All heavy atoms as atom14 arrays in JSON, in Angstrom:
{
  "sequence": "EIGVIEGIAESTASVLKLFSGWLSDQMGRRKPLMLAGYGFSNLIKPLF",
  "atom14_mask": [
    [1, 1, 1, 1, 1, 1, 1, 1, 1, 0, 0, 0, 0, 0],
    [1, 1, 1, 1, 1, 1, 1, 1, 0, 0, 0, 0, 0, 0],
    [1, 1, 1, 1, 0, 0, 0, 0, 0, 0, 0, 0, 0, 0],
    [1, 1, 1, 1, 1, 1, 1, 0, 0, 0, 0, 0, 0, 0],
    [1, 1, 1, 1, 1, 1, 1, 1, 0, 0, 0, 0, 0, 0],
    [1, 1, 1, 1, 1, 1, 1, 1, 1, 0, 0, 0, 0, 0],
    [1, 1, 1, 1, 0, 0, 0, 0, 0, 0, 0, 0, 0, 0],
    [1, 1, 1, 1, 1, 1, 1, 1, 0, 0, 0, 0, 0, 0],
    [1, 1, 1, 1, 1, 0, 0, 0, 0, 0, 0, 0, 0, 0],
    [1, 1, 1, 1, 1, 1, 1, 1, 1, 0, 0, 0, 0, 0],
    [1, 1, 1, 1, 1, 1, 0, 0, 0, 0, 0, 0, 0, 0],
    [1, 1, 1, 1, 1, 1, 1, 0, 0, 0, 0, 0, 0, 0],
    [1, 1, 1, 1, 1, 0, 0, 0, 0, 0, 0, 0, 0, 0],
    [1, 1, 1, 1, 1, 1, 0, 0, 0, 0, 0, 0, 0, 0],
    [1, 1, 1, 1, 1, 1, 1, 0, 0, 0, 0, 0, 0, 0],
    [1, 1, 1, 1, 1, 1, 1, 1, 0, 0, 0, 0, 0, 0],
    [1, 1, 1, 1, 1, 1, 1, 1, 1, 0, 0, 0, 0, 0],
    [1, 1, 1, 1, 1, 1, 1, 1, 0, 0, 0, 0, 0, 0],
    [1, 1, 1, 1, 1, 1, 1, 1, 1, 1, 1, 0, 0, 0],
    [1, 1, 1, 1, 1, 1, 0, 0, 0, 0, 0, 0, 0, 0],
    [1, 1, 1, 1, 0, 0, 0, 0, 0, 0, 0, 0, 0, 0],
    [1, 1, 1, 1, 1, 1, 1, 1, 1, 1, 1, 1, 1, 1],
    [1, 1, 1, 1, 1, 1, 1, 1, 0, 0, 0, 0, 0, 0],
    [1, 1, 1, 1, 1, 1, 0, 0, 0, 0, 0, 0, 0, 0],
    [1, 1, 1, 1, 1, 1, 1, 1, 0, 0, 0, 0, 0, 0],
    [1, 1, 1, 1, 1, 1, 1, 1, 1, 0, 0, 0, 0, 0],
    [1, 1, 1, 1, 1, 1, 1, 1, 0, 0, 0, 0, 0, 0],
    [1, 1, 1, 1, 0, 0, 0, 0, 0, 0, 0, 0, 0, 0],
    [1, 1, 1, 1, 1, 1, 1, 1, 1, 1, 1, 0, 0, 0],
    [1, 1, 1, 1, 1, 1, 1, 1, 1, 1, 1, 0, 0, 0],
    [1, 1, 1, 1, 1, 1, 1, 1, 1, 0, 0, 0, 0, 0],
    [1, 1, 1, 1, 1, 1, 1, 0, 0, 0, 0, 0, 0, 0],
    [1, 1, 1, 1, 1, 1, 1, 1, 0, 0, 0, 0, 0, 0],
    [1, 1, 1, 1, 1, 1, 1, 1, 0, 0, 0, 0, 0, 0],
    [1, 1, 1, 1, 1, 1, 1, 1, 0, 0, 0, 0, 0, 0],
    [1, 1, 1, 1, 1, 0, 0, 0, 0, 0, 0, 0, 0, 0],
    [1, 1, 1, 1, 0, 0, 0, 0, 0, 0, 0, 0, 0, 0],
    [1, 1, 1, 1, 1, 1, 1, 1, 1, 1, 1, 1, 0, 0],
    [1, 1, 1, 1, 0, 0, 0, 0, 0, 0, 0, 0, 0, 0],
    [1, 1, 1, 1, 1, 1, 1, 1, 1, 1, 1, 0, 0, 0],
    [1, 1, 1, 1, 1, 1, 0, 0, 0, 0, 0, 0, 0, 0],
    [1, 1, 1, 1, 1, 1, 1, 1, 0, 0, 0, 0, 0, 0],
    [1, 1, 1, 1, 1, 1, 1, 1, 0, 0, 0, 0, 0, 0],
    [1, 1, 1, 1, 1, 1, 1, 1, 0, 0, 0, 0, 0, 0],
    [1, 1, 1, 1, 1, 1, 1, 1, 1, 0, 0, 0, 0, 0],
    [1, 1, 1, 1, 1, 1, 1, 0, 0, 0, 0, 0, 0, 0],
    [1, 1, 1, 1, 1, 1, 1, 1, 0, 0, 0, 0, 0, 0],
    [1, 1, 1, 1, 1, 1, 1, 1, 1, 1, 1, 0, 0, 0]
  ],
  "atom14_positions": [
    [[-10.4, -10.88, 57.61], [-11.23, -10.61, 56.45], [-12.11, -9.38, 56.66], [-12.35, -8.6, 55.73], [-12.1, -11.84, 56.15], [-11.27, -13.04, 55.69], [-12.03, -14.36, 55.8], [-12.99, -14.42, 56.61], [-11.67, -15.31, 55.09], [0.0, 0.0, 0.0], [0.0, 0.0, 0.0], [0.0, 0.0, 0.0], [0.0, 0.0, 0.0], [0.0, 0.0, 0.0]],
    [[-12.58, -9.18, 57.89], [-13.35, -7.97, 58.21], [-12.47, -6.74, 58.01], [-12.92, -5.71, 57.51], [-13.91, -8.04, 59.64], [-14.98, -9.14, 59.72], [-14.5, -6.69, 60.07], [-15.52, -9.38, 61.11], [0.0, 0.0, 0.0], [0.0, 0.0, 0.0], [0.0, 0.0, 0.0], [0.0, 0.0, 0.0], [0.0, 0.0, 0.0], [0.0, 0.0, 0.0]],
    [[-11.2, -6.84, 58.39], [-10.28, -5.72, 58.19], [-10.13, -5.37, 56.71], [-10.08, -4.19, 56.35], [0.0, 0.0, 0.0], [0.0, 0.0, 0.0], [0.0, 0.0, 0.0], [0.0, 0.0, 0.0], [0.0, 0.0, 0.0], [0.0, 0.0, 0.0], [0.0, 0.0, 0.0], [0.0, 0.0, 0.0], [0.0, 0.0, 0.0], [0.0, 0.0, 0.0]],
    [[-10.06, -6.39, 55.86], [-9.95, -6.15, 54.41], [-11.21, -5.46, 53.89], [-11.15, -4.48, 53.14], [-9.71, -7.47, 53.66], [-9.81, -7.26, 52.15], [-8.35, -8.04, 54.02], [0.0, 0.0, 0.0], [0.0, 0.0, 0.0], [0.0, 0.0, 0.0], [0.0, 0.0, 0.0], [0.0, 0.0, 0.0], [0.0, 0.0, 0.0], [0.0, 0.0, 0.0]],
    [[-12.39, -5.96, 54.31], [-13.65, -5.37, 53.87], [-13.72, -3.9, 54.26], [-14.02, -3.02, 53.43], [-14.85, -6.12, 54.48], [-14.96, -7.53, 53.89], [-16.16, -5.35, 54.26], [-15.97, -8.42, 54.6], [0.0, 0.0, 0.0], [0.0, 0.0, 0.0], [0.0, 0.0, 0.0], [0.0, 0.0, 0.0], [0.0, 0.0, 0.0], [0.0, 0.0, 0.0]],
    [[-13.44, -3.6, 55.51], [-13.57, -2.23, 56.01], [-12.49, -1.32, 55.42], [-12.75, -0.16, 55.13], [-13.51, -2.22, 57.54], [-14.72, -2.87, 58.19], [-16.02, -2.19, 57.81], [-16.1, -0.95, 57.9], [-16.96, -2.9, 57.4], [0.0, 0.0, 0.0], [0.0, 0.0, 0.0], [0.0, 0.0, 0.0], [0.0, 0.0, 0.0], [0.0, 0.0, 0.0]],
    [[-11.28, -1.84, 55.26], [-10.22, -1.02, 54.7], [-10.51, -0.61, 53.27], [-10.36, 0.56, 52.9], [0.0, 0.0, 0.0], [0.0, 0.0, 0.0], [0.0, 0.0, 0.0], [0.0, 0.0, 0.0], [0.0, 0.0, 0.0], [0.0, 0.0, 0.0], [0.0, 0.0, 0.0], [0.0, 0.0, 0.0], [0.0, 0.0, 0.0], [0.0, 0.0, 0.0]],
    [[-10.93, -1.57, 52.45], [-11.25, -1.26, 51.06], [-12.44, -0.3, 50.99], [-12.44, 0.66, 50.22], [-11.55, -2.55, 50.28], [-10.26, -3.36, 50.1], [-12.16, -2.24, 48.92], [-10.46, -4.71, 49.45], [0.0, 0.0, 0.0], [0.0, 0.0, 0.0], [0.0, 0.0, 0.0], [0.0, 0.0, 0.0], [0.0, 0.0, 0.0], [0.0, 0.0, 0.0]],
    [[-13.45, -0.53, 51.82], [-14.64, 0.3, 51.79], [-14.32, 1.76, 52.14], [-14.7, 2.69, 51.42], [-15.69, -0.25, 52.76], [0.0, 0.0, 0.0], [0.0, 0.0, 0.0], [0.0, 0.0, 0.0], [0.0, 0.0, 0.0], [0.0, 0.0, 0.0], [0.0, 0.0, 0.0], [0.0, 0.0, 0.0], [0.0, 0.0, 0.0], [0.0, 0.0, 0.0]],
    [[-13.63, 1.97, 53.23], [-13.37, 3.34, 53.68], [-12.37, 4.06, 52.78], [-12.51, 5.26, 52.53], [-12.88, 3.33, 55.13], [-13.95, 2.9, 56.12], [-15.21, 3.74, 56.02], [-15.14, 4.97, 55.78], [-16.31, 3.16, 56.17], [0.0, 0.0, 0.0], [0.0, 0.0, 0.0], [0.0, 0.0, 0.0], [0.0, 0.0, 0.0], [0.0, 0.0, 0.0]],
    [[-11.37, 3.36, 52.28], [-10.41, 4.02, 51.39], [-11.08, 4.38, 50.06], [-10.77, 5.42, 49.48], [-9.19, 3.13, 51.15], [-9.56, 1.9, 50.56], [0.0, 0.0, 0.0], [0.0, 0.0, 0.0], [0.0, 0.0, 0.0], [0.0, 0.0, 0.0], [0.0, 0.0, 0.0], [0.0, 0.0, 0.0], [0.0, 0.0, 0.0], [0.0, 0.0, 0.0]],
    [[-12.0, 3.56, 49.61], [-12.74, 3.87, 48.38], [-13.48, 5.2, 48.52], [-13.41, 6.08, 47.66], [-13.76, 2.76, 48.07], [-13.05, 1.55, 47.81], [-14.6, 3.12, 46.84], [0.0, 0.0, 0.0], [0.0, 0.0, 0.0], [0.0, 0.0, 0.0], [0.0, 0.0, 0.0], [0.0, 0.0, 0.0], [0.0, 0.0, 0.0], [0.0, 0.0, 0.0]],
    [[-14.2, 5.35, 49.63], [-14.97, 6.57, 49.85], [-14.08, 7.79, 49.87], [-14.36, 8.82, 49.23], [-15.75, 6.47, 51.17], [0.0, 0.0, 0.0], [0.0, 0.0, 0.0], [0.0, 0.0, 0.0], [0.0, 0.0, 0.0], [0.0, 0.0, 0.0], [0.0, 0.0, 0.0], [0.0, 0.0, 0.0], [0.0, 0.0, 0.0], [0.0, 0.0, 0.0]],
    [[-12.97, 7.72, 50.58], [-12.14, 8.88, 50.75], [-11.4, 9.27, 49.48], [-11.31, 10.45, 49.13], [-11.12, 8.64, 51.89], [-11.8, 8.46, 53.11], [0.0, 0.0, 0.0], [0.0, 0.0, 0.0], [0.0, 0.0, 0.0], [0.0, 0.0, 0.0], [0.0, 0.0, 0.0], [0.0, 0.0, 0.0], [0.0, 0.0, 0.0], [0.0, 0.0, 0.0]],
    [[-10.87, 8.28, 48.75], [-10.13, 8.6, 47.53], [-11.05, 9.2, 46.47], [-10.68, 10.13, 45.76], [-9.42, 7.34, 47.0], [-8.83, 7.59, 45.62], [-8.31, 6.91, 47.97], [0.0, 0.0, 0.0], [0.0, 0.0, 0.0], [0.0, 0.0, 0.0], [0.0, 0.0, 0.0], [0.0, 0.0, 0.0], [0.0, 0.0, 0.0], [0.0, 0.0, 0.0]],
    [[-12.28, 8.69, 46.39], [-13.21, 9.23, 45.4], [-13.56, 10.69, 45.65], [-13.93, 11.41, 44.73], [-14.49, 8.39, 45.38], [-14.45, 7.14, 44.49], [-15.67, 6.28, 44.72], [-14.35, 7.53, 43.02], [0.0, 0.0, 0.0], [0.0, 0.0, 0.0], [0.0, 0.0, 0.0], [0.0, 0.0, 0.0], [0.0, 0.0, 0.0], [0.0, 0.0, 0.0]],
    [[-13.47, 11.12, 46.91], [-13.79, 12.52, 47.22], [-12.84, 13.49, 46.52], [-13.21, 14.64, 46.27], [-13.75, 12.75, 48.73], [-14.89, 12.06, 49.47], [-14.77, 12.25, 50.97], [-15.87, 11.49, 51.71], [-15.75, 11.61, 53.17], [0.0, 0.0, 0.0], [0.0, 0.0, 0.0], [0.0, 0.0, 0.0], [0.0, 0.0, 0.0], [0.0, 0.0, 0.0]],
    [[-11.64, 13.03, 46.19], [-10.72, 13.87, 45.43], [-11.34, 14.26, 44.1], [-11.35, 15.43, 43.71], [-9.41, 13.13, 45.21], [-8.42, 13.76, 44.23], [-7.93, 15.09, 44.76], [-7.25, 12.82, 43.97], [0.0, 0.0, 0.0], [0.0, 0.0, 0.0], [0.0, 0.0, 0.0], [0.0, 0.0, 0.0], [0.0, 0.0, 0.0], [0.0, 0.0, 0.0]],
    [[-11.89, 13.28, 43.4], [-12.44, 13.53, 42.07], [-13.78, 14.26, 42.14], [-14.04, 15.15, 41.34], [-12.57, 12.21, 41.31], [-11.26, 11.51, 41.12], [-10.85, 10.51, 42.0], [-10.42, 11.86, 40.08], [-9.63, 9.88, 41.83], [-9.21, 11.23, 39.89], [-8.8, 10.24, 40.78], [0.0, 0.0, 0.0], [0.0, 0.0, 0.0], [0.0, 0.0, 0.0]],
    [[-14.63, 13.89, 43.09], [-15.93, 14.54, 43.18], [-15.8, 15.99, 43.62], [-16.53, 16.86, 43.14], [-16.85, 13.77, 44.13], [-16.37, 13.78, 45.45], [0.0, 0.0, 0.0], [0.0, 0.0, 0.0], [0.0, 0.0, 0.0], [0.0, 0.0, 0.0], [0.0, 0.0, 0.0], [0.0, 0.0, 0.0], [0.0, 0.0, 0.0], [0.0, 0.0, 0.0]],
    [[-14.86, 16.26, 44.51], [-14.63, 17.65, 44.93], [-14.13, 18.51, 43.78], [-14.62, 19.62, 43.55], [0.0, 0.0, 0.0], [0.0, 0.0, 0.0], [0.0, 0.0, 0.0], [0.0, 0.0, 0.0], [0.0, 0.0, 0.0], [0.0, 0.0, 0.0], [0.0, 0.0, 0.0], [0.0, 0.0, 0.0], [0.0, 0.0, 0.0], [0.0, 0.0, 0.0]],
    [[-13.17, 17.98, 43.04], [-12.65, 18.7, 41.87], [-13.75, 18.94, 40.84], [-13.9, 20.03, 40.3], [-11.51, 17.89, 41.26], [-11.03, 18.39, 39.93], [-10.16, 19.41, 39.69], [-11.41, 17.87, 38.64], [-9.96, 19.55, 38.33], [-10.71, 18.63, 37.67], [-12.25, 16.84, 38.23], [-10.84, 18.38, 36.31], [-12.38, 16.58, 36.87], [-11.68, 17.36, 35.93]],
    [[-14.55, 17.9, 40.58], [-15.61, 18.02, 39.58], [-16.66, 19.04, 40.0], [-17.15, 19.82, 39.17], [-16.26, 16.65, 39.35], [-17.33, 16.58, 38.26], [-16.77, 17.04, 36.92], [-17.88, 15.16, 38.16], [0.0, 0.0, 0.0], [0.0, 0.0, 0.0], [0.0, 0.0, 0.0], [0.0, 0.0, 0.0], [0.0, 0.0, 0.0], [0.0, 0.0, 0.0]],
    [[-16.99, 19.09, 41.28], [-17.99, 20.08, 41.72], [-17.46, 21.5, 41.59], [-18.22, 22.43, 41.3], [-18.41, 19.79, 43.16], [-17.42, 20.15, 44.09], [0.0, 0.0, 0.0], [0.0, 0.0, 0.0], [0.0, 0.0, 0.0], [0.0, 0.0, 0.0], [0.0, 0.0, 0.0], [0.0, 0.0, 0.0], [0.0, 0.0, 0.0], [0.0, 0.0, 0.0]],
    [[-16.15, 21.68, 41.78], [-15.55, 23.01, 41.54], [-15.66, 23.38, 40.07], [-15.97, 24.51, 39.71], [-14.08, 23.01, 41.96], [-13.87, 23.07, 43.47], [-14.82, 23.45, 44.18], [-12.76, 22.74, 43.92], [0.0, 0.0, 0.0], [0.0, 0.0, 0.0], [0.0, 0.0, 0.0], [0.0, 0.0, 0.0], [0.0, 0.0, 0.0], [0.0, 0.0, 0.0]],
    [[-15.39, 22.42, 39.19], [-15.42, 22.68, 37.76], [-16.84, 22.97, 37.27], [-17.06, 23.82, 36.41], [-14.86, 21.48, 36.99], [-13.4, 21.17, 37.3], [-12.49, 22.33, 36.98], [-12.39, 22.75, 35.82], [-11.81, 22.87, 37.97], [0.0, 0.0, 0.0], [0.0, 0.0, 0.0], [0.0, 0.0, 0.0], [0.0, 0.0, 0.0], [0.0, 0.0, 0.0]],
    [[-17.81, 22.28, 37.83], [-19.21, 22.46, 37.43], [-19.81, 23.74, 38.0], [-20.74, 24.3, 37.43], [-20.06, 21.27, 37.91], [-19.74, 19.95, 37.25], [-20.53, 18.54, 38.1], [-22.26, 19.01, 38.0], [0.0, 0.0, 0.0], [0.0, 0.0, 0.0], [0.0, 0.0, 0.0], [0.0, 0.0, 0.0], [0.0, 0.0, 0.0], [0.0, 0.0, 0.0]],
    [[-19.28, 24.18, 39.15], [-19.89, 25.31, 39.84], [-21.18, 24.92, 40.54], [-21.95, 25.78, 40.96], [0.0, 0.0, 0.0], [0.0, 0.0, 0.0], [0.0, 0.0, 0.0], [0.0, 0.0, 0.0], [0.0, 0.0, 0.0], [0.0, 0.0, 0.0], [0.0, 0.0, 0.0], [0.0, 0.0, 0.0], [0.0, 0.0, 0.0], [0.0, 0.0, 0.0]],
    [[-21.42, 23.61, 40.68], [-22.61, 23.1, 41.35], [-22.25, 21.88, 42.18], [-21.38, 21.09, 41.81], [-23.69, 22.71, 40.32], [-24.21, 23.87, 39.49], [-25.44, 23.45, 38.71], [-26.55, 23.16, 39.6], [-27.65, 22.51, 39.23], [-27.77, 22.06, 37.99], [-28.63, 22.29, 40.09], [0.0, 0.0, 0.0], [0.0, 0.0, 0.0], [0.0, 0.0, 0.0]],
    [[-22.93, 21.74, 43.33], [-22.66, 20.62, 44.23], [-23.81, 19.6, 44.23], [-23.6, 18.41, 44.42], [-22.46, 21.12, 45.66], [-21.63, 22.39, 45.82], [-20.18, 22.23, 45.51], [-19.4, 23.41, 45.87], [-18.14, 23.61, 45.56], [-17.47, 22.7, 44.88], [-17.51, 24.71, 45.93], [0.0, 0.0, 0.0], [0.0, 0.0, 0.0], [0.0, 0.0, 0.0]],
    [[-25.04, 20.07, 44.05], [-26.21, 19.2, 44.24], [-26.25, 17.98, 43.33], [-26.59, 16.89, 43.8], [-27.51, 20.02, 44.09], [-28.76, 19.19, 44.3], [-30.04, 20.02, 44.23], [-31.28, 19.15, 44.34], [-32.53, 19.94, 44.34], [0.0, 0.0, 0.0], [0.0, 0.0, 0.0], [0.0, 0.0, 0.0], [0.0, 0.0, 0.0], [0.0, 0.0, 0.0]],
    [[-25.95, 18.08, 42.03], [-26.05, 16.88, 41.2], [-25.2, 15.71, 41.69], [-25.65, 14.56, 41.69], [-25.58, 17.37, 39.82], [-25.89, 18.83, 39.82], [-25.63, 19.28, 41.22], [0.0, 0.0, 0.0], [0.0, 0.0, 0.0], [0.0, 0.0, 0.0], [0.0, 0.0, 0.0], [0.0, 0.0, 0.0], [0.0, 0.0, 0.0], [0.0, 0.0, 0.0]],
    [[-23.98, 16.01, 42.14], [-23.11, 14.95, 42.65], [-23.62, 14.43, 43.99], [-23.53, 13.23, 44.28], [-21.68, 15.46, 42.78], [-20.97, 15.73, 41.44], [-19.66, 16.45, 41.67], [-20.74, 14.43, 40.69], [0.0, 0.0, 0.0], [0.0, 0.0, 0.0], [0.0, 0.0, 0.0], [0.0, 0.0, 0.0], [0.0, 0.0, 0.0], [0.0, 0.0, 0.0]],
    [[-24.14, 15.33, 44.81], [-24.73, 14.89, 46.08], [-25.9, 13.95, 45.84], [-26.03, 12.9, 46.49], [-25.19, 16.1, 46.9], [-24.05, 16.97, 47.42], [-24.65, 18.53, 48.12], [-25.68, 17.94, 49.48], [0.0, 0.0, 0.0], [0.0, 0.0, 0.0], [0.0, 0.0, 0.0], [0.0, 0.0, 0.0], [0.0, 0.0, 0.0], [0.0, 0.0, 0.0]],
    [[-26.75, 14.29, 44.89], [-27.93, 13.47, 44.59], [-27.51, 12.1, 44.06], [-28.06, 11.06, 44.46], [-28.81, 14.19, 43.58], [-30.18, 13.57, 43.29], [-31.01, 13.47, 44.56], [-30.91, 14.39, 42.24], [0.0, 0.0, 0.0], [0.0, 0.0, 0.0], [0.0, 0.0, 0.0], [0.0, 0.0, 0.0], [0.0, 0.0, 0.0], [0.0, 0.0, 0.0]],
    [[-26.51, 12.09, 43.2], [-26.02, 10.81, 42.66], [-25.44, 9.94, 43.77], [-25.71, 8.73, 43.84], [-24.98, 11.06, 41.58], [0.0, 0.0, 0.0], [0.0, 0.0, 0.0], [0.0, 0.0, 0.0], [0.0, 0.0, 0.0], [0.0, 0.0, 0.0], [0.0, 0.0, 0.0], [0.0, 0.0, 0.0], [0.0, 0.0, 0.0], [0.0, 0.0, 0.0]],
    [[-24.65, 10.54, 44.64], [-24.01, 9.78, 45.71], [-24.99, 9.26, 46.74], [-24.96, 8.07, 47.11], [0.0, 0.0, 0.0], [0.0, 0.0, 0.0], [0.0, 0.0, 0.0], [0.0, 0.0, 0.0], [0.0, 0.0, 0.0], [0.0, 0.0, 0.0], [0.0, 0.0, 0.0], [0.0, 0.0, 0.0], [0.0, 0.0, 0.0], [0.0, 0.0, 0.0]],
    [[-25.86, 10.13, 47.22], [-26.85, 9.69, 48.21], [-27.8, 8.65, 47.61], [-28.18, 7.67, 48.26], [-27.65, 10.88, 48.73], [-26.95, 11.67, 49.81], [-26.45, 12.95, 49.56], [-26.8, 11.15, 51.09], [-25.81, 13.69, 50.55], [-26.16, 11.87, 52.09], [-25.67, 13.15, 51.81], [-25.04, 13.86, 52.8], [0.0, 0.0, 0.0], [0.0, 0.0, 0.0]],
    [[-28.22, 8.88, 46.36], [-29.14, 7.95, 45.73], [-28.55, 6.57, 45.56], [-29.19, 5.55, 45.89], [0.0, 0.0, 0.0], [0.0, 0.0, 0.0], [0.0, 0.0, 0.0], [0.0, 0.0, 0.0], [0.0, 0.0, 0.0], [0.0, 0.0, 0.0], [0.0, 0.0, 0.0], [0.0, 0.0, 0.0], [0.0, 0.0, 0.0], [0.0, 0.0, 0.0]],
    [[-27.3, 6.5, 45.09], [-26.68, 5.2, 44.86], [-26.47, 4.44, 46.16], [-26.78, 3.24, 46.25], [-25.34, 5.4, 44.13], [-24.68, 4.11, 43.73], [-25.24, 3.31, 42.75], [-23.5, 3.71, 44.32], [-24.64, 2.11, 42.37], [-22.89, 2.53, 43.94], [-23.47, 1.73, 42.97], [0.0, 0.0, 0.0], [0.0, 0.0, 0.0], [0.0, 0.0, 0.0]],
    [[-25.96, 5.12, 47.2], [-25.71, 4.45, 48.48], [-27.0, 3.9, 49.08], [-27.04, 2.76, 49.56], [-25.07, 5.43, 49.47], [-23.74, 5.69, 49.13], [0.0, 0.0, 0.0], [0.0, 0.0, 0.0], [0.0, 0.0, 0.0], [0.0, 0.0, 0.0], [0.0, 0.0, 0.0], [0.0, 0.0, 0.0], [0.0, 0.0, 0.0], [0.0, 0.0, 0.0]],
    [[-28.04, 4.71, 49.07], [-29.27, 4.29, 49.72], [-30.02, 3.22, 48.93], [-30.85, 2.5, 49.47], [-30.17, 5.5, 49.97], [-29.66, 6.35, 51.12], [-29.48, 5.85, 52.23], [-29.4, 7.62, 50.87], [0.0, 0.0, 0.0], [0.0, 0.0, 0.0], [0.0, 0.0, 0.0], [0.0, 0.0, 0.0], [0.0, 0.0, 0.0], [0.0, 0.0, 0.0]],
    [[-29.68, 3.08, 47.65], [-30.25, 2.01, 46.84], [-29.56, 0.68, 47.11], [-30.21, -0.38, 47.16], [-30.11, 2.36, 45.35], [-30.57, 1.29, 44.34], [-32.08, 1.12, 44.4], [-30.13, 1.66, 42.92], [0.0, 0.0, 0.0], [0.0, 0.0, 0.0], [0.0, 0.0, 0.0], [0.0, 0.0, 0.0], [0.0, 0.0, 0.0], [0.0, 0.0, 0.0]],
    [[-28.25, 0.72, 47.33], [-27.47, -0.52, 47.4], [-27.42, -1.14, 48.79], [-27.34, -2.37, 48.95], [-26.02, -0.26, 46.88], [-25.33, -1.58, 46.49], [-25.19, 0.5, 47.89], [-25.77, -2.14, 45.19], [0.0, 0.0, 0.0], [0.0, 0.0, 0.0], [0.0, 0.0, 0.0], [0.0, 0.0, 0.0], [0.0, 0.0, 0.0], [0.0, 0.0, 0.0]],
    [[-27.5, -0.32, 49.86], [-27.29, -0.84, 51.22], [-28.23, -1.96, 51.64], [-27.78, -2.93, 52.28], [-27.38, 0.31, 52.23], [-26.12, 1.15, 52.31], [-26.25, 2.23, 53.36], [-27.37, 3.19, 53.06], [-27.38, 4.38, 53.94], [0.0, 0.0, 0.0], [0.0, 0.0, 0.0], [0.0, 0.0, 0.0], [0.0, 0.0, 0.0], [0.0, 0.0, 0.0]],
    [[-29.52, -1.88, 51.35], [-30.41, -2.96, 51.81], [-30.08, -4.33, 51.24], [-30.52, -5.35, 51.78], [-31.8, -2.49, 51.34], [-31.69, -1.01, 51.2], [-30.29, -0.77, 50.73], [0.0, 0.0, 0.0], [0.0, 0.0, 0.0], [0.0, 0.0, 0.0], [0.0, 0.0, 0.0], [0.0, 0.0, 0.0], [0.0, 0.0, 0.0], [0.0, 0.0, 0.0]],
    [[-29.27, -4.39, 50.18], [-28.92, -5.66, 49.56], [-28.01, -6.52, 50.43], [-27.76, -7.69, 50.1], [-28.3, -5.43, 48.19], [-29.22, -4.77, 47.15], [-28.49, -4.62, 45.82], [-30.5, -5.56, 46.98], [0.0, 0.0, 0.0], [0.0, 0.0, 0.0], [0.0, 0.0, 0.0], [0.0, 0.0, 0.0], [0.0, 0.0, 0.0], [0.0, 0.0, 0.0]],
    [[-27.51, -5.98, 51.55], [-26.81, -6.83, 52.52], [-27.7, -8.0, 52.93], [-27.21, -9.07, 53.31], [-26.42, -6.04, 53.77], [-25.22, -5.14, 53.59], [-25.32, -3.78, 53.82], [-23.99, -5.66, 53.21], [-24.22, -2.95, 53.67], [-22.88, -4.84, 53.06], [-23.0, -3.47, 53.3], [0.0, 0.0, 0.0], [0.0, 0.0, 0.0], [0.0, 0.0, 0.0]]
  ]
}
């Protein structure tokens, strides 16, 4: 079960980078996506 948790978690992060990288190229800006990503992660983690 730990393998399932970790596999889904890590593959989620990596696959999403395809879309966020493309979107940052299209926007010509990186910071808004960085702020959204860092903000969301740091908000959710303590809920463990």
